Amino acid sequence: MTRQCPSCGQLLPAQAVRFCVRCGHALAHEDEFQARAKQAAQQIPSATRRPHARTPRRRPSRGWIIAITAIVVLAAAGSTAFALINNHRGRGVSAGGKAGEHVPTTVHTDSAPPPSSSTASSKQSQLAQITPLIRQNVSARHLVGNATQQVGGCTMAPEDGITLMRQAISQRQQMISSIDTVSVDTIPDGQQMLADLKQAAQQSIAADQDFIGWMQDIQTSGACPIDTSQDSSYQAGLQASTQATQAKQAFTGLWNPLASQFSQPTFTASQL
């Protein structure tokens, strides 16, 4: 270590001297000098001292490195797949769309949705409008049955029977006019059902008119009973009644299943 004179700063020789070679200042003994030098070294600021060596960081294990690498690879693969899917959608051309546009795909199913409560209510309402028309035809059939049985059994005058037959015809005609105003758009085979009912009424009117002719024949002859097998009016009435029965059967075949389902009365062909 280089020594200096504390008075003038003169560099001193390495060997111990008692006085400065320049100014003659008395120097302390060598042991005292070394003690002062040690004390001065301890007073040096901590910032100028050499920092302690840092503890080396622990290197990550091989398992952690593999796990992190796998996560990075999977994330990159997912991003690539997403980009490919978007690119494929963008290039597709759907019906009604242009190239490069994404058109959503509509999935169709074969199963029909269940009928809503509003549809069922509409069916019941439309069927309920037909029921009074059927009852009107049933009433006409009752008049015809009473007239033909009593006149044929000679228990009713032919003119009274004719009056009843004409009332029955009037009721059937009113029913036919009302059929044309009924809506059956929610009823399965509704139009066909009304057509069968209308045809049954028309054929019944034709039969009623023929039976009126038979009653007039009795009134003209003044004899009762007469041979119906020889009366042309009566035979024509039977033929028209057979055609009416066929239409009545077709009508009841469509009406009765729906009537049972929607709380409406059922009927037989003989009642119409």
C-alpha atoms as a PDB file:
ATOM      1  CA  MET A   1       0.000   0.000   0.000  1.00  0.00           C
ATOM      2  CA  THR A   2       1.366   3.527  -0.959  1.00  0.00           C
ATOM      3  CA  ARG A   3       1.943   5.863   1.927  1.00  0.00           C
ATOM      4  CA  GLN A   4       1.552   9.655   1.863  1.00  0.00           C
ATOM      5  CA  CYS A   5       2.546  12.385   4.235  1.00  0.00           C
ATOM      6  CA  PRO A   6      -0.550  13.509   6.104  1.00  0.00           C
ATOM      7  CA  SER A   7       0.769  17.078   6.070  1.00  0.00           C
ATOM      8  CA  CYS A   8       1.893  17.735   2.493  1.00  0.00           C
ATOM      9  CA  GLY A   9       0.834  14.623   0.653  1.00  0.00           C
ATOM     10  CA  GLN A  10       4.374  13.596  -0.264  1.00  0.00           C
ATOM     11  CA  LEU A  11       4.710   9.991  -1.284  1.00  0.00           C
ATOM     12  CA  LEU A  12       6.772   8.178   1.282  1.00  0.00           C
ATOM     13  CA  PRO A  13       9.177   5.328   0.699  1.00  0.00           C
ATOM     14  CA  ALA A  14       8.035   1.781   1.298  1.00  0.00           C
ATOM     15  CA  GLN A  15      10.263   1.338   4.295  1.00  0.00           C
ATOM     16  CA  ALA A  16       9.207   2.834   7.567  1.00  0.00           C
ATOM     17  CA  VAL A  17      10.466   6.422   8.227  1.00  0.00           C
ATOM     18  CA  ARG A  18       9.771   8.642  11.173  1.00  0.00           C
ATOM     19  CA  PHE A  19       9.802  12.027   9.334  1.00  0.00           C
ATOM     20  CA  CYS A  20       8.504  13.276   5.932  1.00  0.00           C
ATOM     21  CA  VAL A  21      11.361  13.605   3.438  1.00  0.00           C
ATOM     22  CA  ARG A  22       9.783  16.825   2.129  1.00  0.00           C
ATOM     23  CA  CYS A  23       8.286  18.836   4.970  1.00  0.00           C
ATOM     24  CA  GLY A  24       9.854  17.036   7.891  1.00  0.00           C
ATOM     25  CA  HIS A  25       6.507  16.242   9.490  1.00  0.00           C
ATOM     26  CA  ALA A  26       6.796  13.620  12.204  1.00  0.00           C
ATOM     27  CA  LEU A  27       5.186  10.378  11.083  1.00  0.00           C
ATOM     28  CA  ALA A  28       3.428   7.912  13.376  1.00  0.00           C
ATOM     29  CA  HIS A  29       4.898   4.536  14.053  1.00  0.00           C
ATOM     30  CA  GLU A  30       4.246   1.888  11.410  1.00  0.00           C
ATOM     31  CA  ASP A  31       1.791  -0.021  13.629  1.00  0.00           C
ATOM     32  CA  GLU A  32      -0.213   3.142  14.273  1.00  0.00           C
ATOM     33  CA  PHE A  33      -0.266   3.839  10.516  1.00  0.00           C
ATOM     34  CA  GLN A  34      -1.598   0.424   9.699  1.00  0.00           C
ATOM     35  CA  ALA A  35      -4.355   0.819  12.367  1.00  0.00           C
ATOM     36  CA  ARG A  36      -5.420   4.136  10.851  1.00  0.00           C
ATOM     37  CA  ALA A  37      -5.447   2.607   7.370  1.00  0.00           C
ATOM     38  CA  LYS A  38      -7.666  -0.214   8.582  1.00  0.00           C
ATOM     39  CA  GLN A  39     -10.049   2.279  10.240  1.00  0.00           C
ATOM     40  CA  ALA A  40     -10.249   4.336   7.039  1.00  0.00           C
ATOM     41  CA  ALA A  41     -11.106   1.247   5.020  1.00  0.00           C
ATOM     42  CA  GLN A  42     -14.006   0.470   7.335  1.00  0.00           C
ATOM     43  CA  GLN A  43     -15.446   3.942   6.767  1.00  0.00           C
ATOM     44  CA  ILE A  44     -15.740   3.462   2.960  1.00  0.00           C
ATOM     45  CA  PRO A  45     -19.498   3.674   1.918  1.00  0.00           C
ATOM     46  CA  SER A  46     -21.256   0.357   1.353  1.00  0.00           C
ATOM     47  CA  ALA A  47     -22.208   1.363  -2.225  1.00  0.00           C
ATOM     48  CA  THR A  48     -18.534   1.226  -3.224  1.00  0.00           C
ATOM     49  CA  ARG A  49     -18.024  -2.199  -1.797  1.00  0.00           C
ATOM     50  CA  ARG A  50     -18.187  -5.219  -4.069  1.00  0.00           C
ATOM     51  CA  PRO A  51     -21.685  -6.674  -4.012  1.00  0.00           C
ATOM     52  CA  HIS A  52     -22.261 -10.177  -2.811  1.00  0.00           C
ATOM     53  CA  ALA A  53     -22.643 -12.785  -5.475  1.00  0.00           C
ATOM     54  CA  ARG A  54     -26.271 -13.598  -6.301  1.00  0.00           C
ATOM     55  CA  THR A  55     -27.682 -16.995  -5.677  1.00  0.00           C
ATOM     56  CA  PRO A  56     -27.947 -18.691  -9.049  1.00  0.00           C
ATOM     57  CA  ARG A  57     -31.557 -19.369 -10.201  1.00  0.00           C
ATOM     58  CA  ARG A  58     -32.778 -22.895 -10.206  1.00  0.00           C
ATOM     59  CA  ARG A  59     -33.165 -24.187 -13.714  1.00  0.00           C
ATOM     60  CA  PRO A  60     -36.632 -25.610 -14.529  1.00  0.00           C
ATOM     61  CA  SER A  61     -36.921 -29.349 -14.571  1.00  0.00           C
ATOM     62  CA  ARG A  62     -37.245 -31.269 -17.804  1.00  0.00           C
ATOM     63  CA  GLY A  63     -40.895 -32.269 -17.008  1.00  0.00           C
ATOM     64  CA  TRP A  64     -42.007 -28.643 -16.750  1.00  0.00           C
ATOM     65  CA  ILE A  65     -40.276 -27.834 -20.055  1.00  0.00           C
ATOM     66  CA  ILE A  66     -42.135 -30.690 -21.798  1.00  0.00           C
ATOM     67  CA  ALA A  67     -45.512 -29.626 -20.319  1.00  0.00           C
ATOM     68  CA  ILE A  68     -45.112 -25.989 -21.345  1.00  0.00           C
ATOM     69  CA  THR A  69     -44.026 -27.038 -24.848  1.00  0.00           C
ATOM     70  CA  ALA A  70     -47.127 -29.256 -25.209  1.00  0.00           C
ATOM     71  CA  ILE A  71     -49.450 -26.410 -24.195  1.00  0.00           C
ATOM     72  CA  VAL A  72     -47.884 -24.089 -26.744  1.00  0.00           C
ATOM     73  CA  VAL A  73     -48.181 -26.721 -29.502  1.00  0.00           C
ATOM     74  CA  LEU A  74     -51.871 -27.407 -28.698  1.00  0.00           C
ATOM     75  CA  ALA A  75     -52.724 -23.704 -28.656  1.00  0.00           C
ATOM     76  CA  ALA A  76     -51.063 -23.246 -32.025  1.00  0.00           C
ATOM     77  CA  ALA A  77     -52.918 -26.252 -33.466  1.00  0.00           C
ATOM     78  CA  GLY A  78     -56.270 -24.940 -32.191  1.00  0.00           C
ATOM     79  CA  SER A  79     -55.684 -21.525 -33.737  1.00  0.00           C
ATOM     80  CA  THR A  80     -54.771 -23.166 -37.057  1.00  0.00           C
ATOM     81  CA  ALA A  81     -57.919 -25.351 -37.037  1.00  0.00           C
ATOM     82  CA  PHE A  82     -60.142 -22.354 -36.226  1.00  0.00           C
ATOM     83  CA  ALA A  83     -58.608 -20.398 -39.086  1.00  0.00           C
ATOM     84  CA  LEU A  84     -59.123 -23.310 -41.514  1.00  0.00           C
ATOM     85  CA  ILE A  85     -62.785 -23.685 -40.505  1.00  0.00           C
ATOM     86  CA  ASN A  86     -63.477 -19.979 -40.960  1.00  0.00           C
ATOM     87  CA  ASN A  87     -61.699 -20.035 -44.294  1.00  0.00           C
ATOM     88  CA  HIS A  88     -63.763 -23.032 -45.446  1.00  0.00           C
ATOM     89  CA  ARG A  89     -67.021 -21.327 -44.406  1.00  0.00           C
ATOM     90  CA  GLY A  90     -66.029 -18.137 -46.118  1.00  0.00           C
ATOM     91  CA  ARG A  91     -65.384 -19.920 -49.418  1.00  0.00           C
ATOM     92  CA  GLY A  92     -68.631 -21.928 -49.392  1.00  0.00           C
ATOM     93  CA  VAL A  93     -71.572 -20.844 -51.556  1.00  0.00           C
ATOM     94  CA  SER A  94     -75.039 -21.599 -50.153  1.00  0.00           C
ATOM     95  CA  ALA A  95     -78.407 -21.334 -51.841  1.00  0.00           C
ATOM     96  CA  GLY A  96     -79.359 -17.694 -51.986  1.00  0.00           C
ATOM     97  CA  GLY A  97     -75.838 -16.566 -50.926  1.00  0.00           C
ATOM     98  CA  LYS A  98     -72.722 -15.270 -52.672  1.00  0.00           C
ATOM     99  CA  ALA A  99     -69.216 -16.683 -52.672  1.00  0.00           C
ATOM    100  CA  GLY A 100     -67.255 -15.629 -49.593  1.00  0.00           C
ATOM    101  CA  GLU A 101     -70.387 -15.127 -47.480  1.00  0.00           C
ATOM    102  CA  HIS A 102     -71.311 -17.306 -44.531  1.00  0.00           C
ATOM    103  CA  VAL A 103     -74.897 -18.510 -44.890  1.00  0.00           C
ATOM    104  CA  PRO A 104     -76.322 -20.298 -41.828  1.00  0.00           C
ATOM    105  CA  THR A 105     -77.451 -23.857 -42.440  1.00  0.00           C
ATOM    106  CA  THR A 106     -81.088 -24.700 -41.683  1.00  0.00           C
ATOM    107  CA  VAL A 107     -81.707 -28.148 -40.228  1.00  0.00           C
ATOM    108  CA  HIS A 108     -84.976 -29.751 -41.320  1.00  0.00           C
ATOM    109  CA  THR A 109     -86.623 -32.558 -39.437  1.00  0.00           C
ATOM    110  CA  ASP A 110     -89.164 -35.003 -40.784  1.00  0.00           C
ATOM    111  CA  SER A 111     -91.261 -35.111 -37.640  1.00  0.00           C
ATOM    112  CA  ALA A 112     -94.230 -32.746 -37.646  1.00  0.00           C
ATOM    113  CA  PRO A 113     -94.769 -30.569 -34.579  1.00  0.00           C
ATOM    114  CA  PRO A 114     -97.635 -31.565 -32.291  1.00  0.00           C
ATOM    115  CA  PRO A 115    -100.888 -29.660 -32.880  1.00  0.00           C
ATOM    116  CA  SER A 116    -101.217 -26.579 -30.753  1.00  0.00           C
ATOM    117  CA  SER A 117    -104.113 -26.038 -28.390  1.00  0.00           C
ATOM    118  CA  SER A 118    -105.354 -23.209 -30.618  1.00  0.00           C
ATOM    119  CA  THR A 119    -105.587 -25.592 -33.605  1.00  0.00           C
ATOM    120  CA  ALA A 120    -107.534 -28.153 -31.567  1.00  0.00           C
ATOM    121  CA  SER A 121    -109.889 -25.436 -30.369  1.00  0.00           C
ATOM    122  CA  SER A 122    -110.443 -24.289 -33.941  1.00  0.00           C
ATOM    123  CA  LYS A 123    -111.296 -27.827 -35.063  1.00  0.00           C
ATOM    124  CA  GLN A 124    -113.774 -28.260 -32.243  1.00  0.00           C
ATOM    125  CA  SER A 125    -115.377 -24.906 -33.049  1.00  0.00           C
ATOM    126  CA  GLN A 126    -115.815 -25.758 -36.733  1.00  0.00           C
ATOM    127  CA  LEU A 127    -117.205 -29.211 -35.972  1.00  0.00           C
ATOM    128  CA  ALA A 128    -119.649 -27.646 -33.535  1.00  0.00           C
ATOM    129  CA  GLN A 129    -121.052 -25.534 -36.398  1.00  0.00           C
ATOM    130  CA  ILE A 130    -121.856 -28.681 -38.376  1.00  0.00           C
ATOM    131  CA  THR A 131    -123.652 -30.481 -35.544  1.00  0.00           C
ATOM    132  CA  PRO A 132    -126.862 -28.355 -35.724  1.00  0.00           C
ATOM    133  CA  LEU A 133    -127.066 -28.991 -39.484  1.00  0.00           C
ATOM    134  CA  ILE A 134    -126.892 -32.733 -38.911  1.00  0.00           C
ATOM    135  CA  ARG A 135    -129.608 -32.509 -36.259  1.00  0.00           C
ATOM    136  CA  GLN A 136    -131.756 -30.588 -38.731  1.00  0.00           C
ATOM    137  CA  ASN A 137    -131.435 -33.448 -41.204  1.00  0.00           C
ATOM    138  CA  VAL A 138    -132.214 -35.955 -38.436  1.00  0.00           C
ATOM    139  CA  SER A 139    -135.424 -34.043 -37.695  1.00  0.00           C
ATOM    140  CA  ALA A 140    -136.400 -34.141 -41.375  1.00  0.00           C
ATOM    141  CA  ARG A 141    -135.744 -37.890 -41.460  1.00  0.00           C
ATOM    142  CA  HIS A 142    -138.067 -38.321 -38.475  1.00  0.00           C
ATOM    143  CA  LEU A 143    -140.893 -36.475 -40.283  1.00  0.00           C
ATOM    144  CA  VAL A 144    -140.418 -38.642 -43.385  1.00  0.00           C
ATOM    145  CA  GLY A 145    -140.501 -41.854 -41.341  1.00  0.00           C
ATOM    146  CA  ASN A 146    -143.742 -40.926 -39.573  1.00  0.00           C
ATOM    147  CA  ALA A 147    -145.468 -39.840 -42.807  1.00  0.00           C
ATOM    148  CA  THR A 148    -144.532 -42.876 -44.924  1.00  0.00           C
ATOM    149  CA  GLN A 149    -145.334 -45.439 -42.205  1.00  0.00           C
ATOM    150  CA  GLN A 150    -148.713 -43.976 -41.264  1.00  0.00           C
ATOM    151  CA  VAL A 151    -149.874 -43.245 -44.804  1.00  0.00           C
ATOM    152  CA  GLY A 152    -148.726 -46.691 -45.927  1.00  0.00           C
ATOM    153  CA  GLY A 153    -150.502 -48.224 -42.920  1.00  0.00           C
ATOM    154  CA  CYS A 154    -153.649 -46.247 -43.725  1.00  0.00           C
ATOM    155  CA  THR A 155    -153.555 -44.524 -40.294  1.00  0.00           C
ATOM    156  CA  MET A 156    -152.922 -41.064 -41.725  1.00  0.00           C
ATOM    157  CA  ALA A 157    -154.672 -39.316 -44.559  1.00  0.00           C
ATOM    158  CA  PRO A 158    -152.473 -38.904 -47.658  1.00  0.00           C
ATOM    159  CA  GLU A 159    -152.839 -35.103 -47.584  1.00  0.00           C
ATOM    160  CA  ASP A 160    -151.534 -34.970 -43.996  1.00  0.00           C
ATOM    161  CA  GLY A 161    -148.614 -37.167 -44.960  1.00  0.00           C
ATOM    162  CA  ILE A 162    -147.823 -34.893 -47.901  1.00  0.00           C
ATOM    163  CA  THR A 163    -147.748 -31.901 -45.540  1.00  0.00           C
ATOM    164  CA  LEU A 164    -145.166 -33.612 -43.331  1.00  0.00           C
ATOM    165  CA  MET A 165    -143.074 -34.602 -46.337  1.00  0.00           C
ATOM    166  CA  ARG A 166    -142.979 -31.018 -47.578  1.00  0.00           C
ATOM    167  CA  GLN A 167    -141.841 -29.830 -44.114  1.00  0.00           C
ATOM    168  CA  ALA A 168    -139.003 -32.347 -44.263  1.00  0.00           C
ATOM    169  CA  ILE A 169    -137.973 -31.120 -47.721  1.00  0.00           C
ATOM    170  CA  SER A 170    -137.940 -27.504 -46.468  1.00  0.00           C
ATOM    171  CA  GLN A 171    -135.665 -28.424 -43.549  1.00  0.00           C
ATOM    172  CA  ARG A 172    -133.234 -30.284 -45.815  1.00  0.00           C
ATOM    173  CA  GLN A 173    -133.094 -27.333 -48.221  1.00  0.00           C
ATOM    174  CA  GLN A 174    -132.290 -24.949 -45.383  1.00  0.00           C
ATOM    175  CA  MET A 175    -129.511 -27.293 -44.241  1.00  0.00           C
ATOM    176  CA  ILE A 176    -127.989 -27.365 -47.731  1.00  0.00           C
ATOM    177  CA  SER A 177    -127.933 -23.550 -47.857  1.00  0.00           C
ATOM    178  CA  SER A 178    -126.193 -23.431 -44.462  1.00  0.00           C
ATOM    179  CA  ILE A 179    -123.547 -25.962 -45.510  1.00  0.00           C
ATOM    180  CA  ASP A 180    -122.157 -23.485 -48.032  1.00  0.00           C
ATOM    181  CA  THR A 181    -121.399 -20.983 -45.228  1.00  0.00           C
ATOM    182  CA  VAL A 182    -119.469 -23.381 -42.958  1.00  0.00           C
ATOM    183  CA  SER A 183    -115.653 -23.140 -42.800  1.00  0.00           C
ATOM    184  CA  VAL A 184    -113.758 -26.417 -42.380  1.00  0.00           C
ATOM    185  CA  ASP A 185    -110.182 -25.322 -43.177  1.00  0.00           C
ATOM    186  CA  THR A 186    -108.755 -26.915 -39.996  1.00  0.00           C
ATOM    187  CA  ILE A 187    -110.714 -30.206 -40.268  1.00  0.00           C
ATOM    188  CA  PRO A 188    -109.052 -33.135 -42.085  1.00  0.00           C
ATOM    189  CA  ASP A 189    -111.107 -33.969 -45.224  1.00  0.00           C
ATOM    190  CA  GLY A 190    -113.528 -31.266 -44.122  1.00  0.00           C
ATOM    191  CA  GLN A 191    -114.595 -30.305 -47.645  1.00  0.00           C
ATOM    192  CA  GLN A 192    -115.264 -33.930 -48.604  1.00  0.00           C
ATOM    193  CA  MET A 193    -117.267 -34.447 -45.427  1.00  0.00           C
ATOM    194  CA  LEU A 194    -119.517 -31.480 -46.217  1.00  0.00           C
ATOM    195  CA  ALA A 195    -119.888 -32.655 -49.814  1.00  0.00           C
ATOM    196  CA  ASP A 196    -121.079 -36.076 -48.598  1.00  0.00           C
ATOM    197  CA  LEU A 197    -123.574 -34.456 -46.213  1.00  0.00           C
ATOM    198  CA  LYS A 198    -124.870 -32.194 -48.965  1.00  0.00           C
ATOM    199  CA  GLN A 199    -125.254 -35.069 -51.416  1.00  0.00           C
ATOM    200  CA  ALA A 200    -127.100 -37.132 -48.792  1.00  0.00           C
ATOM    201  CA  ALA A 201    -129.568 -34.279 -48.264  1.00  0.00           C
ATOM    202  CA  GLN A 202    -130.093 -33.780 -52.007  1.00  0.00           C
ATOM    203  CA  GLN A 203    -130.723 -37.474 -52.626  1.00  0.00           C
ATOM    204  CA  SER A 204    -133.102 -37.531 -49.624  1.00  0.00           C
ATOM    205  CA  ILE A 205    -135.089 -34.622 -51.081  1.00  0.00           C
ATOM    206  CA  ALA A 206    -135.397 -36.528 -54.363  1.00  0.00           C
ATOM    207  CA  ALA A 207    -136.677 -39.575 -52.462  1.00  0.00           C
ATOM    208  CA  ASP A 208    -139.102 -37.412 -50.447  1.00  0.00           C
ATOM    209  CA  GLN A 209    -140.586 -35.986 -53.628  1.00  0.00           C
ATOM    210  CA  ASP A 210    -141.075 -39.475 -55.057  1.00  0.00           C
ATOM    211  CA  PHE A 211    -142.831 -40.607 -51.879  1.00  0.00           C
ATOM    212  CA  ILE A 212    -145.113 -37.572 -52.126  1.00  0.00           C
ATOM    213  CA  GLY A 213    -146.064 -38.860 -55.615  1.00  0.00           C
ATOM    214  CA  TRP A 214    -146.879 -42.242 -54.088  1.00  0.00           C
ATOM    215  CA  MET A 215    -149.132 -40.585 -51.477  1.00  0.00           C
ATOM    216  CA  GLN A 216    -150.873 -38.648 -54.213  1.00  0.00           C
ATOM    217  CA  ASP A 217    -151.513 -41.923 -56.027  1.00  0.00           C
ATOM    218  CA  ILE A 218    -153.249 -43.235 -52.897  1.00  0.00           C
ATOM    219  CA  GLN A 219    -155.245 -40.029 -52.622  1.00  0.00           C
ATOM    220  CA  THR A 220    -156.304 -40.263 -56.271  1.00  0.00           C
ATOM    221  CA  SER A 221    -157.288 -43.939 -56.188  1.00  0.00           C
ATOM    222  CA  GLY A 222    -159.201 -43.624 -52.945  1.00  0.00           C
ATOM    223  CA  ALA A 223    -158.019 -47.076 -51.999  1.00  0.00           C
ATOM    224  CA  CYS A 224    -155.637 -47.861 -49.141  1.00  0.00           C
ATOM    225  CA  PRO A 225    -153.344 -49.562 -49.145  1.00  0.00           C
ATOM    226  CA  ILE A 226    -152.126 -49.896 -52.698  1.00  0.00           C
ATOM    227  CA  ASP A 227    -149.542 -52.284 -54.127  1.00  0.00           C
ATOM    228  CA  THR A 228    -146.217 -50.429 -53.735  1.00  0.00           C
ATOM    229  CA  SER A 229    -144.449 -52.882 -56.045  1.00  0.00           C
ATOM    230  CA  GLN A 230    -146.627 -51.617 -58.859  1.00  0.00           C
ATOM    231  CA  ASP A 231    -146.366 -47.925 -58.007  1.00  0.00           C
ATOM    232  CA  SER A 232    -143.638 -46.191 -60.026  1.00  0.00           C
ATOM    233  CA  SER A 233    -143.389 -43.209 -57.660  1.00  0.00           C
ATOM    234  CA  TYR A 234    -142.766 -45.466 -54.687  1.00  0.00           C
ATOM    235  CA  GLN A 235    -140.083 -47.484 -56.549  1.00  0.00           C
ATOM    236  CA  ALA A 236    -138.345 -44.282 -57.654  1.00  0.00           C
ATOM    237  CA  GLY A 237    -138.391 -43.159 -54.015  1.00  0.00           C
ATOM    238  CA  LEU A 238    -136.672 -46.387 -52.942  1.00  0.00           C
ATOM    239  CA  GLN A 239    -133.947 -45.956 -55.572  1.00  0.00           C
ATOM    240  CA  ALA A 240    -133.212 -42.345 -54.544  1.00  0.00           C
ATOM    241  CA  SER A 241    -133.227 -43.386 -50.886  1.00  0.00           C
ATOM    242  CA  THR A 242    -130.558 -46.049 -51.611  1.00  0.00           C
ATOM    243  CA  GLN A 243    -128.268 -43.432 -53.171  1.00  0.00           C
ATOM    244  CA  ALA A 244    -128.881 -41.140 -50.220  1.00  0.00           C
ATOM    245  CA  THR A 245    -127.896 -43.943 -47.834  1.00  0.00           C
ATOM    246  CA  GLN A 246    -124.529 -44.391 -49.595  1.00  0.00           C
ATOM    247  CA  ALA A 247    -123.750 -40.679 -49.179  1.00  0.00           C
ATOM    248  CA  LYS A 248    -124.877 -40.833 -45.524  1.00  0.00           C
ATOM    249  CA  GLN A 249    -122.477 -43.724 -44.852  1.00  0.00           C
ATOM    250  CA  ALA A 250    -119.581 -41.839 -46.444  1.00  0.00           C
ATOM    251  CA  PHE A 251    -120.385 -38.793 -44.316  1.00  0.00           C
ATOM    252  CA  THR A 252    -120.630 -40.673 -41.017  1.00  0.00           C
ATOM    253  CA  GLY A 253    -117.344 -42.472 -41.823  1.00  0.00           C
ATOM    254  CA  LEU A 254    -115.560 -39.105 -41.761  1.00  0.00           C
ATOM    255  CA  TRP A 255    -117.666 -37.418 -39.106  1.00  0.00           C
ATOM    256  CA  ASN A 256    -117.831 -39.959 -36.269  1.00  0.00           C
ATOM    257  CA  PRO A 257    -114.049 -40.338 -35.572  1.00  0.00           C
ATOM    258  CA  LEU A 258    -113.647 -36.554 -35.342  1.00  0.00           C
ATOM    259  CA  ALA A 259    -116.844 -36.165 -33.336  1.00  0.00           C
ATOM    260  CA  SER A 260    -115.606 -38.680 -30.756  1.00  0.00           C
ATOM    261  CA  GLN A 261    -112.270 -36.867 -30.487  1.00  0.00           C
ATOM    262  CA  PHE A 262    -113.759 -33.383 -30.076  1.00  0.00           C
ATOM    263  CA  SER A 263    -116.814 -34.090 -27.907  1.00  0.00           C
ATOM    264  CA  GLN A 264    -119.464 -33.950 -30.647  1.00  0.00           C
ATOM    265  CA  PRO A 265    -122.394 -36.409 -31.104  1.00  0.00           C
ATOM    266  CA  THR A 266    -122.060 -39.359 -33.485  1.00  0.00           C
ATOM    267  CA  PHE A 267    -124.764 -40.566 -35.898  1.00  0.00           C
ATOM    268  CA  THR A 268    -125.724 -43.580 -37.964  1.00  0.00           C
ATOM    269  CA  ALA A 269    -126.742 -43.455 -41.624  1.00  0.00           C
ATOM    270  CA  SER A 270    -130.318 -44.536 -40.758  1.00  0.00           C
ATOM    271  CA  GLN A 271    -130.719 -41.459 -38.522  1.00  0.00           C
ATOM    272  CA  LEU A 272    -130.050 -39.084 -41.413  1.00  0.00           C
END
